[in-house]
PDB file of all heavy atoms in Angstrom:
ATOM      1  N   ARG A   1       0.856  10.626  -7.979  1.00  0.00           N
ATOM      2  CA  ARG A   1       1.553   9.454  -8.509  1.00  0.00           C
ATOM      3  C   ARG A   1       3.048   9.550  -8.229  1.00  0.00           C
ATOM      4  O   ARG A   1       3.653  10.595  -8.381  1.00  0.00           O
ATOM      5  CB  ARG A   1       1.298   9.348 -10.003  1.00  0.00           C
ATOM      6  CG  ARG A   1      -0.181   9.139 -10.298  1.00  0.00           C
ATOM      7  CD  ARG A   1      -0.440   9.024 -11.739  1.00  0.00           C
ATOM      8  NE  ARG A   1       0.208   7.794 -12.201  1.00  0.00           N
ATOM      9  CZ  ARG A   1       0.166   7.370 -13.445  1.00  0.00           C
ATOM     10  NH1 ARG A   1      -0.466   8.064 -14.350  1.00  0.00           N
ATOM     11  NH2 ARG A   1       0.765   6.259 -13.785  1.00  0.00           N
ATOM     12  N   GLY A   2       3.627   8.430  -7.797  1.00  0.00           N
ATOM     13  CA  GLY A   2       5.057   8.369  -7.569  1.00  0.00           C
ATOM     14  C   GLY A   2       5.538   9.130  -6.349  1.00  0.00           C
ATOM     15  O   GLY A   2       6.736   9.321  -6.178  1.00  0.00           O
ATOM     16  N   ALA A   3       4.630   9.561  -5.487  1.00  0.00           N
ATOM     17  CA  ALA A   3       5.016  10.344  -4.308  1.00  0.00           C
ATOM     18  C   ALA A   3       5.730   9.482  -3.277  1.00  0.00           C
ATOM     19  O   ALA A   3       5.482   8.285  -3.182  1.00  0.00           O
ATOM     20  CB  ALA A   3       3.781  10.979  -3.675  1.00  0.00           C
ATOM     21  N   ARG A   4       6.587  10.103  -2.504  1.00  0.00           N
ATOM     22  CA  ARG A   4       7.266   9.415  -1.403  1.00  0.00           C
ATOM     23  C   ARG A   4       6.211   8.967  -0.395  1.00  0.00           C
ATOM     24  O   ARG A   4       5.290   9.702  -0.065  1.00  0.00           O
ATOM     25  CB  ARG A   4       8.239  10.362  -0.733  1.00  0.00           C
ATOM     26  CG  ARG A   4       8.829   9.802   0.521  1.00  0.00           C
ATOM     27  CD  ARG A   4       9.536  10.869   1.276  1.00  0.00           C
ATOM     28  NE  ARG A   4      10.970  10.630   1.210  1.00  0.00           N
ATOM     29  CZ  ARG A   4      11.862  11.437   1.707  1.00  0.00           C
ATOM     30  NH1 ARG A   4      11.484  12.582   2.234  1.00  0.00           N
ATOM     31  NH2 ARG A   4      13.124  11.139   1.646  1.00  0.00           N
ATOM     32  N   VAL A   5       6.359   7.743   0.082  1.00  0.00           N
ATOM     33  CA  VAL A   5       5.411   7.158   1.034  1.00  0.00           C
ATOM     34  C   VAL A   5       6.085   7.025   2.394  1.00  0.00           C
ATOM     35  O   VAL A   5       7.252   6.627   2.478  1.00  0.00           O
ATOM     36  CB  VAL A   5       4.929   5.778   0.528  1.00  0.00           C
ATOM     37  CG1 VAL A   5       4.058   5.101   1.565  1.00  0.00           C
ATOM     38  CG2 VAL A   5       4.198   5.924  -0.795  1.00  0.00           C
ATOM     39  N   ARG A   6       5.333   7.365   3.432  1.00  0.00           N
ATOM     40  CA  ARG A   6       5.808   7.213   4.803  1.00  0.00           C
ATOM     41  C   ARG A   6       4.791   6.367   5.560  1.00  0.00           C
ATOM     42  O   ARG A   6       3.609   6.349   5.201  1.00  0.00           O
ATOM     43  CB  ARG A   6       5.926   8.580   5.473  1.00  0.00           C
ATOM     44  CG  ARG A   6       6.960   9.466   4.840  1.00  0.00           C
ATOM     45  CD  ARG A   6       7.066  10.785   5.601  1.00  0.00           C
ATOM     46  NE  ARG A   6       8.000  11.658   4.935  1.00  0.00           N
ATOM     47  CZ  ARG A   6       7.657  12.716   4.217  1.00  0.00           C
ATOM     48  NH1 ARG A   6       6.395  13.040   4.085  1.00  0.00           N
ATOM     49  NH2 ARG A   6       8.575  13.457   3.642  1.00  0.00           N
ATOM     50  N   PRO A   7       5.222   5.696   6.618  1.00  0.00           N
ATOM     51  CA  PRO A   7       4.259   4.937   7.421  1.00  0.00           C
ATOM     52  C   PRO A   7       3.111   5.838   7.875  1.00  0.00           C
ATOM     53  O   PRO A   7       3.314   6.976   8.284  1.00  0.00           O
ATOM     54  CB  PRO A   7       5.092   4.450   8.615  1.00  0.00           C
ATOM     55  CG  PRO A   7       6.487   4.387   8.070  1.00  0.00           C
ATOM     56  CD  PRO A   7       6.598   5.543   7.114  1.00  0.00           C
ATOM     57  N   GLY A   8       1.896   5.328   7.751  1.00  0.00           N
ATOM     58  CA  GLY A   8       0.700   6.084   8.119  1.00  0.00           C
ATOM     59  C   GLY A   8       0.001   6.728   6.944  1.00  0.00           C
ATOM     60  O   GLY A   8      -1.163   7.114   7.053  1.00  0.00           O
ATOM     61  N   ASP A   9       0.670   6.844   5.795  1.00  0.00           N
ATOM     62  CA  ASP A   9       0.053   7.449   4.611  1.00  0.00           C
ATOM     63  C   ASP A   9      -0.992   6.515   4.015  1.00  0.00           C
ATOM     64  O   ASP A   9      -0.854   5.294   4.052  1.00  0.00           O
ATOM     65  CB  ASP A   9       1.103   7.721   3.525  1.00  0.00           C
ATOM     66  CG  ASP A   9       2.011   8.884   3.849  1.00  0.00           C
ATOM     67  OD1 ASP A   9       1.692   9.689   4.748  1.00  0.00           O
ATOM     68  OD2 ASP A   9       3.067   8.987   3.184  1.00  0.00           O
ATOM     69  N   LEU A  10      -2.034   7.120   3.411  1.00  0.00           N
ATOM     70  CA  LEU A  10      -2.963   6.353   2.586  1.00  0.00           C
ATOM     71  C   LEU A  10      -2.358   6.289   1.199  1.00  0.00           C
ATOM     72  O   LEU A  10      -1.902   7.308   0.667  1.00  0.00           O
ATOM     73  CB  LEU A  10      -4.328   7.028   2.531  1.00  0.00           C
ATOM     74  CG  LEU A  10      -5.108   7.056   3.837  1.00  0.00           C
ATOM     75  CD1 LEU A  10      -6.415   7.811   3.650  1.00  0.00           C
ATOM     76  CD2 LEU A  10      -5.378   5.662   4.344  1.00  0.00           C
ATOM     77  N   VAL A  11      -2.364   5.092   0.612  1.00  0.00           N
ATOM     78  CA  VAL A  11      -1.728   4.906  -0.689  1.00  0.00           C
ATOM     79  C   VAL A  11      -2.635   4.126  -1.620  1.00  0.00           C
ATOM     80  O   VAL A  11      -3.548   3.418  -1.184  1.00  0.00           O
ATOM     81  CB  VAL A  11      -0.370   4.174  -0.568  1.00  0.00           C
ATOM     82  CG1 VAL A  11       0.609   4.986   0.264  1.00  0.00           C
ATOM     83  CG2 VAL A  11      -0.538   2.783  -0.003  1.00  0.00           C
ATOM     84  N   VAL A  12      -2.357   4.256  -2.896  1.00  0.00           N
ATOM     85  CA  VAL A  12      -2.980   3.443  -3.928  1.00  0.00           C
ATOM     86  C   VAL A  12      -1.890   2.535  -4.470  1.00  0.00           C
ATOM     87  O   VAL A  12      -0.775   2.983  -4.747  1.00  0.00           O
ATOM     88  CB  VAL A  12      -3.566   4.326  -5.052  1.00  0.00           C
ATOM     89  CG1 VAL A  12      -4.051   3.477  -6.209  1.00  0.00           C
ATOM     90  CG2 VAL A  12      -4.695   5.185  -4.509  1.00  0.00           C
ATOM     91  N   ALA A  13      -2.218   1.242  -4.576  1.00  0.00           N
ATOM     92  CA  ALA A  13      -1.249   0.263  -5.060  1.00  0.00           C
ATOM     93  C   ALA A  13      -1.948  -0.712  -5.986  1.00  0.00           C
ATOM     94  O   ALA A  13      -3.171  -0.872  -5.939  1.00  0.00           O
ATOM     95  CB  ALA A  13      -0.619  -0.493  -3.892  1.00  0.00           C
ATOM     96  N   ARG A  14      -1.167  -1.360  -6.817  1.00  0.00           N
ATOM     97  CA  ARG A  14      -1.697  -2.431  -7.655  1.00  0.00           C
ATOM     98  C   ARG A  14      -1.771  -3.702  -6.818  1.00  0.00           C
ATOM     99  O   ARG A  14      -0.877  -3.976  -6.028  1.00  0.00           O
ATOM    100  CB  ARG A  14      -0.823  -2.639  -8.871  1.00  0.00           C
ATOM    101  CG  ARG A  14      -0.850  -1.422  -9.771  1.00  0.00           C
ATOM    102  CD  ARG A  14      -0.253  -1.691 -11.139  1.00  0.00           C
ATOM    103  NE  ARG A  14      -0.333  -0.494 -11.945  1.00  0.00           N
ATOM    104  CZ  ARG A  14      -1.421  -0.069 -12.583  1.00  0.00           C
ATOM    105  NH1 ARG A  14      -2.530  -0.769 -12.525  1.00  0.00           N
ATOM    106  NH2 ARG A  14      -1.411   1.032 -13.287  1.00  0.00           N
ATOM    107  N   LEU A  15      -2.824  -4.451  -6.979  1.00  0.00           N
ATOM    108  CA  LEU A  15      -3.007  -5.705  -6.264  1.00  0.00           C
ATOM    109  C   LEU A  15      -1.977  -6.705  -6.771  1.00  0.00           C
ATOM    110  O   LEU A  15      -1.914  -6.955  -7.977  1.00  0.00           O
ATOM    111  CB  LEU A  15      -4.430  -6.212  -6.499  1.00  0.00           C
ATOM    112  CG  LEU A  15      -4.935  -7.339  -5.645  1.00  0.00           C
ATOM    113  CD1 LEU A  15      -4.946  -6.932  -4.173  1.00  0.00           C
ATOM    114  CD2 LEU A  15      -6.335  -7.722  -6.072  1.00  0.00           C
ATOM    115  N   PRO A  16      -1.137  -7.269  -5.895  1.00  0.00           N
ATOM    116  CA  PRO A  16      -0.070  -8.158  -6.359  1.00  0.00           C
ATOM    117  C   PRO A  16      -0.553  -9.328  -7.224  1.00  0.00           C
ATOM    118  O   PRO A  16       0.075  -9.666  -8.226  1.00  0.00           O
ATOM    119  CB  PRO A  16       0.573  -8.661  -5.066  1.00  0.00           C
ATOM    120  CG  PRO A  16       0.312  -7.574  -4.090  1.00  0.00           C
ATOM    121  CD  PRO A  16      -1.048  -7.027  -4.457  1.00  0.00           C
ATOM    122  N   ALA A  17      -1.676  -9.934  -6.877  1.00  0.00           N
ATOM    123  CA  ALA A  17      -2.181 -11.082  -7.639  1.00  0.00           C
ATOM    124  C   ALA A  17      -2.828 -10.672  -8.956  1.00  0.00           C
ATOM    125  O   ALA A  17      -2.945 -11.488  -9.871  1.00  0.00           O
ATOM    126  CB  ALA A  17      -3.176 -11.861  -6.794  1.00  0.00           C
ATOM    127  N   ASP A  18      -3.262  -9.410  -9.066  1.00  0.00           N
ATOM    128  CA  ASP A  18      -3.941  -8.919 -10.269  1.00  0.00           C
ATOM    129  C   ASP A  18      -3.578  -7.452 -10.465  1.00  0.00           C
ATOM    130  O   ASP A  18      -4.326  -6.562 -10.059  1.00  0.00           O
ATOM    131  CB  ASP A  18      -5.453  -9.094 -10.117  1.00  0.00           C
ATOM    132  CG  ASP A  18      -6.226  -8.626 -11.335  1.00  0.00           C
ATOM    133  OD1 ASP A  18      -5.602  -8.289 -12.371  1.00  0.00           O
ATOM    134  OD2 ASP A  18      -7.467  -8.590 -11.258  1.00  0.00           O
ATOM    135  N   PRO A  19      -2.428  -7.168 -11.084  1.00  0.00           N
ATOM    136  CA  PRO A  19      -1.968  -5.780 -11.215  1.00  0.00           C
ATOM    137  C   PRO A  19      -2.922  -4.851 -11.963  1.00  0.00           C
ATOM    138  O   PRO A  19      -2.763  -3.635 -11.905  1.00  0.00           O
ATOM    139  CB  PRO A  19      -0.638  -5.915 -11.953  1.00  0.00           C
ATOM    140  CG  PRO A  19      -0.191  -7.309 -11.682  1.00  0.00           C
ATOM    141  CD  PRO A  19      -1.455  -8.118 -11.573  1.00  0.00           C
ATOM    142  N   ALA A  20      -3.924  -5.395 -12.648  1.00  0.00           N
ATOM    143  CA  ALA A  20      -4.906  -4.534 -13.312  1.00  0.00           C
ATOM    144  C   ALA A  20      -5.837  -3.885 -12.293  1.00  0.00           C
ATOM    145  O   ALA A  20      -6.457  -2.871 -12.577  1.00  0.00           O
ATOM    146  CB  ALA A  20      -5.712  -5.335 -14.325  1.00  0.00           C
ATOM    147  N   GLN A  21      -5.940  -4.465 -11.094  1.00  0.00           N
ATOM    148  CA  GLN A  21      -6.776  -3.919 -10.032  1.00  0.00           C
ATOM    149  C   GLN A  21      -5.925  -3.103  -9.089  1.00  0.00           C
ATOM    150  O   GLN A  21      -4.775  -3.446  -8.826  1.00  0.00           O
ATOM    151  CB  GLN A  21      -7.429  -5.047  -9.237  1.00  0.00           C
ATOM    152  CG  GLN A  21      -8.836  -5.250  -9.573  1.00  0.00           C
ATOM    153  CD  GLN A  21      -9.504  -6.194  -8.580  1.00  0.00           C
ATOM    154  OE1 GLN A  21      -8.932  -6.600  -7.577  1.00  0.00           O
ATOM    155  NE2 GLN A  21     -10.717  -6.540  -8.887  1.00  0.00           N
ATOM    156  N   MET A  22      -6.512  -2.031  -8.567  1.00  0.00           N
ATOM    157  CA  MET A  22      -5.801  -1.199  -7.609  1.00  0.00           C
ATOM    158  C   MET A  22      -6.552  -1.184  -6.288  1.00  0.00           C
ATOM    159  O   MET A  22      -7.763  -1.395  -6.255  1.00  0.00           O
ATOM    160  CB  MET A  22      -5.627   0.211  -8.150  1.00  0.00           C
ATOM    161  CG  MET A  22      -4.638   0.260  -9.297  1.00  0.00           C
ATOM    162  SD  MET A  22      -4.134   1.930  -9.662  1.00  0.00           S
ATOM    163  CE  MET A  22      -5.309   2.323 -10.934  1.00  0.00           C
ATOM    164  N   ILE A  23      -5.797  -0.946  -5.208  1.00  0.00           N
ATOM    165  CA  ILE A  23      -6.369  -0.898  -3.872  1.00  0.00           C
ATOM    166  C   ILE A  23      -5.934   0.386  -3.175  1.00  0.00           C
ATOM    167  O   ILE A  23      -4.902   0.947  -3.499  1.00  0.00           O
ATOM    168  CB  ILE A  23      -5.944  -2.117  -3.035  1.00  0.00           C
ATOM    169  CG1 ILE A  23      -4.416  -2.251  -2.983  1.00  0.00           C
ATOM    170  CG2 ILE A  23      -6.579  -3.390  -3.577  1.00  0.00           C
ATOM    171  CD1 ILE A  23      -3.896  -3.335  -2.058  1.00  0.00           C
ATOM    172  N   VAL A  24      -6.775   0.849  -2.250  1.00  0.00           N
ATOM    173  CA  VAL A  24      -6.449   1.991  -1.400  1.00  0.00           C
ATOM    174  C   VAL A  24      -6.261   1.430  -0.002  1.00  0.00           C
ATOM    175  O   VAL A  24      -7.169   0.782   0.523  1.00  0.00           O
ATOM    176  CB  VAL A  24      -7.574   3.040  -1.389  1.00  0.00           C
ATOM    177  CG1 VAL A  24      -7.255   4.161  -0.423  1.00  0.00           C
ATOM    178  CG2 VAL A  24      -7.827   3.573  -2.771  1.00  0.00           C
ATOM    179  N   LYS A  25      -5.092   1.647   0.582  1.00  0.00           N
ATOM    180  CA  LYS A  25      -4.774   1.108   1.909  1.00  0.00           C
ATOM    181  C   LYS A  25      -3.897   2.081   2.675  1.00  0.00           C
ATOM    182  O   LYS A  25      -3.376   3.045   2.123  1.00  0.00           O
ATOM    183  CB  LYS A  25      -4.024  -0.229   1.802  1.00  0.00           C
ATOM    184  CG  LYS A  25      -4.773  -1.320   1.080  1.00  0.00           C
ATOM    185  CD  LYS A  25      -5.965  -1.772   1.863  1.00  0.00           C
ATOM    186  CE  LYS A  25      -6.779  -2.788   1.075  1.00  0.00           C
ATOM    187  NZ  LYS A  25      -8.113  -2.951   1.552  1.00  0.00           N
ATOM    188  N   ARG A  26      -3.692   1.783   3.957  1.00  0.00           N
ATOM    189  CA  ARG A  26      -2.766   2.543   4.783  1.00  0.00           C
ATOM    190  C   ARG A  26      -1.417   1.847   4.759  1.00  0.00           C
ATOM    191  O   ARG A  26      -1.330   0.638   4.963  1.00  0.00           O
ATOM    192  CB  ARG A  26      -3.270   2.646   6.214  1.00  0.00           C
ATOM    193  CG  ARG A  26      -2.361   3.534   7.046  1.00  0.00           C
ATOM    194  CD  ARG A  26      -2.974   4.023   8.315  1.00  0.00           C
ATOM    195  NE  ARG A  26      -4.279   4.630   8.218  1.00  0.00           N
ATOM    196  CZ  ARG A  26      -4.525   5.911   7.913  1.00  0.00           C
ATOM    197  NH1 ARG A  26      -3.523   6.721   7.624  1.00  0.00           N
ATOM    198  NH2 ARG A  26      -5.746   6.379   7.890  1.00  0.00           N
ATOM    199  N   ALA A  27      -0.353   2.600   4.479  1.00  0.00           N
ATOM    200  CA  ALA A  27       1.006   2.057   4.515  1.00  0.00           C
ATOM    201  C   ALA A  27       1.401   1.949   5.985  1.00  0.00           C
ATOM    202  O   ALA A  27       1.585   2.956   6.660  1.00  0.00           O
ATOM    203  CB  ALA A  27       1.965   2.973   3.755  1.00  0.00           C
ATOM    204  N   ALA A  28       1.513   0.719   6.484  1.00  0.00           N
ATOM    205  CA  ALA A  28       1.799   0.513   7.906  1.00  0.00           C
ATOM    206  C   ALA A  28       3.298   0.602   8.177  1.00  0.00           C
ATOM    207  O   ALA A  28       3.719   1.306   9.085  1.00  0.00           O
ATOM    208  CB  ALA A  28       1.250  -0.833   8.360  1.00  0.00           C
ATOM    209  N   TRP A  29       4.108  -0.130   7.423  1.00  0.00           N
ATOM    210  CA  TRP A  29       5.557  -0.080   7.577  1.00  0.00           C
ATOM    211  C   TRP A  29       6.214  -0.639   6.342  1.00  0.00           C
ATOM    212  O   TRP A  29       5.592  -1.301   5.522  1.00  0.00           O
ATOM    213  CB  TRP A  29       6.023  -0.832   8.830  1.00  0.00           C
ATOM    214  CG  TRP A  29       5.834  -2.317   8.786  1.00  0.00           C
ATOM    215  CD1 TRP A  29       6.666  -3.228   8.201  1.00  0.00           C
ATOM    216  CD2 TRP A  29       4.759  -3.071   9.329  1.00  0.00           C
ATOM    217  NE1 TRP A  29       6.173  -4.495   8.356  1.00  0.00           N
ATOM    218  CE2 TRP A  29       5.002  -4.431   9.055  1.00  0.00           C
ATOM    219  CE3 TRP A  29       3.602  -2.735  10.037  1.00  0.00           C
ATOM    220  CZ2 TRP A  29       4.140  -5.443   9.446  1.00  0.00           C
ATOM    221  CZ3 TRP A  29       2.749  -3.759  10.422  1.00  0.00           C
ATOM    222  CH2 TRP A  29       3.020  -5.071  10.138  1.00  0.00           C
ATOM    223  N   ARG A  30       7.504  -0.355   6.233  1.00  0.00           N
ATOM    224  CA  ARG A  30       8.282  -0.852   5.108  1.00  0.00           C
ATOM    225  C   ARG A  30       9.277  -1.886   5.631  1.00  0.00           C
ATOM    226  O   ARG A  30       9.915  -1.678   6.654  1.00  0.00           O
ATOM    227  CB  ARG A  30       9.038   0.278   4.429  1.00  0.00           C
ATOM    228  CG  ARG A  30       9.746  -0.188   3.187  1.00  0.00           C
ATOM    229  CD  ARG A  30      10.402   0.960   2.467  1.00  0.00           C
ATOM    230  NE  ARG A  30      10.964   0.421   1.242  1.00  0.00           N
ATOM    231  CZ  ARG A  30      11.031   1.065   0.118  1.00  0.00           C
ATOM    232  NH1 ARG A  30      10.596   2.297   0.055  1.00  0.00           N
ATOM    233  NH2 ARG A  30      11.551   0.515  -0.946  1.00  0.00           N
ATOM    234  N   ASP A  31       9.363  -2.998   4.928  1.00  0.00           N
ATOM    235  CA  ASP A  31      10.376  -3.986   5.289  1.00  0.00           C
ATOM    236  C   ASP A  31      11.214  -4.262   4.051  1.00  0.00           C
ATOM    237  O   ASP A  31      11.059  -3.592   3.034  1.00  0.00           O
ATOM    238  CB  ASP A  31       9.760  -5.258   5.880  1.00  0.00           C
ATOM    239  CG  ASP A  31       8.919  -6.041   4.889  1.00  0.00           C
ATOM    240  OD1 ASP A  31       9.022  -5.801   3.673  1.00  0.00           O
ATOM    241  OD2 ASP A  31       8.159  -6.919   5.336  1.00  0.00           O
ATOM    242  N   GLY A  32      12.092  -5.218   4.111  1.00  0.00           N
ATOM    243  CA  GLY A  32      12.986  -5.495   2.982  1.00  0.00           C
ATOM    244  C   GLY A  32      12.267  -5.865   1.700  1.00  0.00           C
ATOM    245  O   GLY A  32      12.766  -5.632   0.606  1.00  0.00           O
ATOM    246  N   ASP A  33      11.068  -6.442   1.813  1.00  0.00           N
ATOM    247  CA  ASP A  33      10.344  -6.896   0.618  1.00  0.00           C
ATOM    248  C   ASP A  33       9.407  -5.857   0.033  1.00  0.00           C
ATOM    249  O   ASP A  33       8.879  -6.044  -1.051  1.00  0.00           O
ATOM    250  CB  ASP A  33       9.534  -8.152   0.960  1.00  0.00           C
ATOM    251  CG  ASP A  33      10.414  -9.316   1.350  1.00  0.00           C
ATOM    252  OD1 ASP A  33      11.542  -9.404   0.830  1.00  0.00           O
ATOM    253  OD2 ASP A  33       9.980 -10.130   2.180  1.00  0.00           O
ATOM    254  N   GLY A  34       9.118  -4.793   0.757  1.00  0.00           N
ATOM    255  CA  GLY A  34       8.198  -3.777   0.257  1.00  0.00           C
ATOM    256  C   GLY A  34       7.401  -3.169   1.386  1.00  0.00           C
ATOM    257  O   GLY A  34       7.826  -3.154   2.538  1.00  0.00           O
ATOM    258  N   TRP A  35       6.216  -2.677   1.057  1.00  0.00           N
ATOM    259  CA  TRP A  35       5.353  -2.001   2.020  1.00  0.00           C
ATOM    260  C   TRP A  35       4.272  -2.933   2.517  1.00  0.00           C
ATOM    261  O   TRP A  35       3.642  -3.641   1.744  1.00  0.00           O
ATOM    262  CB  TRP A  35       4.699  -0.767   1.393  1.00  0.00           C
ATOM    263  CG  TRP A  35       5.623   0.393   1.350  1.00  0.00           C
ATOM    264  CD1 TRP A  35       6.431   0.774   0.321  1.00  0.00           C
ATOM    265  CD2 TRP A  35       5.860   1.317   2.410  1.00  0.00           C
ATOM    266  NE1 TRP A  35       7.145   1.878   0.674  1.00  0.00           N
ATOM    267  CE2 TRP A  35       6.813   2.232   1.954  1.00  0.00           C
ATOM    268  CE3 TRP A  35       5.353   1.459   3.688  1.00  0.00           C
ATOM    269  CZ2 TRP A  35       7.270   3.282   2.738  1.00  0.00           C
ATOM    270  CZ3 TRP A  35       5.801   2.505   4.469  1.00  0.00           C
ATOM    271  CH2 TRP A  35       6.743   3.401   3.993  1.00  0.00           C
ATOM    272  N   TRP A  36       4.033  -2.895   3.829  1.00  0.00           N
ATOM    273  CA  TRP A  36       2.936  -3.621   4.443  1.00  0.00           C
ATOM    274  C   TRP A  36       1.729  -2.691   4.410  1.00  0.00           C
ATOM    275  O   TRP A  36       1.752  -1.612   4.994  1.00  0.00           O
ATOM    276  CB  TRP A  36       3.295  -3.992   5.889  1.00  0.00           C
ATOM    277  CG  TRP A  36       2.321  -4.947   6.487  1.00  0.00           C
ATOM    278  CD1 TRP A  36       1.246  -4.621   7.259  1.00  0.00           C
ATOM    279  CD2 TRP A  36       2.327  -6.369   6.377  1.00  0.00           C
ATOM    280  NE1 TRP A  36       0.582  -5.748   7.629  1.00  0.00           N
ATOM    281  CE2 TRP A  36       1.222  -6.848   7.105  1.00  0.00           C
ATOM    282  CE3 TRP A  36       3.149  -7.282   5.736  1.00  0.00           C
ATOM    283  CZ2 TRP A  36       0.927  -8.198   7.204  1.00  0.00           C
ATOM    284  CZ3 TRP A  36       2.855  -8.619   5.833  1.00  0.00           C
ATOM    285  CH2 TRP A  36       1.762  -9.067   6.559  1.00  0.00           C
ATOM    286  N   LEU A  37       0.683  -3.074   3.689  1.00  0.00           N
ATOM    287  CA  LEU A  37      -0.507  -2.244   3.503  1.00  0.00           C
ATOM    288  C   LEU A  37      -1.677  -2.863   4.244  1.00  0.00           C
ATOM    289  O   LEU A  37      -1.948  -4.057   4.084  1.00  0.00           O
ATOM    290  CB  LEU A  37      -0.835  -2.114   2.013  1.00  0.00           C
ATOM    291  CG  LEU A  37       0.279  -1.594   1.113  1.00  0.00           C
ATOM    292  CD1 LEU A  37      -0.202  -1.505  -0.327  1.00  0.00           C
ATOM    293  CD2 LEU A  37       0.794  -0.249   1.597  1.00  0.00           C
ATOM    294  N   GLU A  38      -2.374  -2.046   5.026  1.00  0.00           N
ATOM    295  CA  GLU A  38      -3.472  -2.556   5.841  1.00  0.00           C
ATOM    296  C   GLU A  38      -4.766  -1.786   5.620  1.00  0.00           C
ATOM    297  O   GLU A  38      -4.762  -0.591   5.356  1.00  0.00           O
ATOM    298  CB  GLU A  38      -3.118  -2.470   7.329  1.00  0.00           C
ATOM    299  CG  GLU A  38      -2.004  -3.392   7.731  1.00  0.00           C
ATOM    300  CD  GLU A  38      -1.756  -3.400   9.225  1.00  0.00           C
ATOM    301  OE1 GLU A  38      -2.317  -2.537   9.952  1.00  0.00           O
ATOM    302  OE2 GLU A  38      -0.995  -4.267   9.672  1.00  0.00           O
ATOM    303  N   SER A  39      -5.880  -2.516   5.787  1.00  0.00           N
ATOM    304  CA  SER A  39      -7.215  -1.930   5.765  1.00  0.00           C
ATOM    305  C   SER A  39      -7.491  -1.303   7.118  1.00  0.00           C
ATOM    306  O   SER A  39      -6.945  -1.731   8.134  1.00  0.00           O
ATOM    307  CB  SER A  39      -8.263  -3.010   5.501  1.00  0.00           C
ATOM    308  OG  SER A  39      -8.021  -3.654   4.279  1.00  0.00           O
ATOM    309  N   GLU A  40      -8.373  -0.319   7.152  1.00  0.00           N
ATOM    310  CA  GLU A  40      -8.822   0.251   8.415  1.00  0.00           C
ATOM    311  C   GLU A  40      -9.887  -0.646   9.041  1.00  0.00           C
ATOM    312  O   GLU A  40     -10.004  -0.720  10.247  1.00  0.00           O
ATOM    313  CB  GLU A  40      -9.409   1.651   8.198  1.00  0.00           C
ATOM    314  CG  GLU A  40      -8.433   2.661   7.650  1.00  0.00           C
ATOM    315  CD  GLU A  40      -7.400   3.082   8.670  1.00  0.00           C
ATOM    316  OE1 GLU A  40      -7.775   3.488   9.777  1.00  0.00           O
ATOM    317  OE2 GLU A  40      -6.200   2.989   8.355  1.00  0.00           O
ATOM    318  N   ASN A  41     -10.681  -1.288   8.207  1.00  0.00           N
ATOM    319  CA  ASN A  41     -11.804  -2.109   8.654  1.00  0.00           C
ATOM    320  C   ASN A  41     -11.511  -3.566   8.289  1.00  0.00           C
ATOM    321  O   ASN A  41     -11.833  -4.011   7.193  1.00  0.00           O
ATOM    322  CB  ASN A  41     -13.087  -1.617   7.988  1.00  0.00           C
ATOM    323  CG  ASN A  41     -14.309  -2.419   8.372  1.00  0.00           C
ATOM    324  OD1 ASN A  41     -14.253  -3.305   9.217  1.00  0.00           O
ATOM    325  ND2 ASN A  41     -15.423  -2.103   7.733  1.00  0.00           N
ATOM    326  N   GLN A  42     -10.912  -4.293   9.206  1.00  0.00           N
ATOM    327  CA  GLN A  42     -10.516  -5.679   8.932  1.00  0.00           C
ATOM    328  C   GLN A  42     -11.706  -6.610   8.769  1.00  0.00           C
ATOM    329  O   GLN A  42     -11.555  -7.711   8.262  1.00  0.00           O
ATOM    330  CB  GLN A  42      -9.600  -6.188  10.050  1.00  0.00           C
ATOM    331  CG  GLN A  42      -8.234  -5.535  10.049  1.00  0.00           C
ATOM    332  CD  GLN A  42      -7.418  -5.909   8.834  1.00  0.00           C
ATOM    333  OE1 GLN A  42      -7.440  -7.038   8.363  1.00  0.00           O
ATOM    334  NE2 GLN A  42      -6.689  -4.947   8.295  1.00  0.00           N
TER     335      GLN A  42
END
């Protein structure tokens, strides 16, 4: 929890539309608004 995230890391995040739900995704890149998180299997 609270670990530094780098592009390529697998992360757990709260779903923006429903913060009670969490998702596991790959941190693709960081931009001014936050982290771009992507699935491996689109």
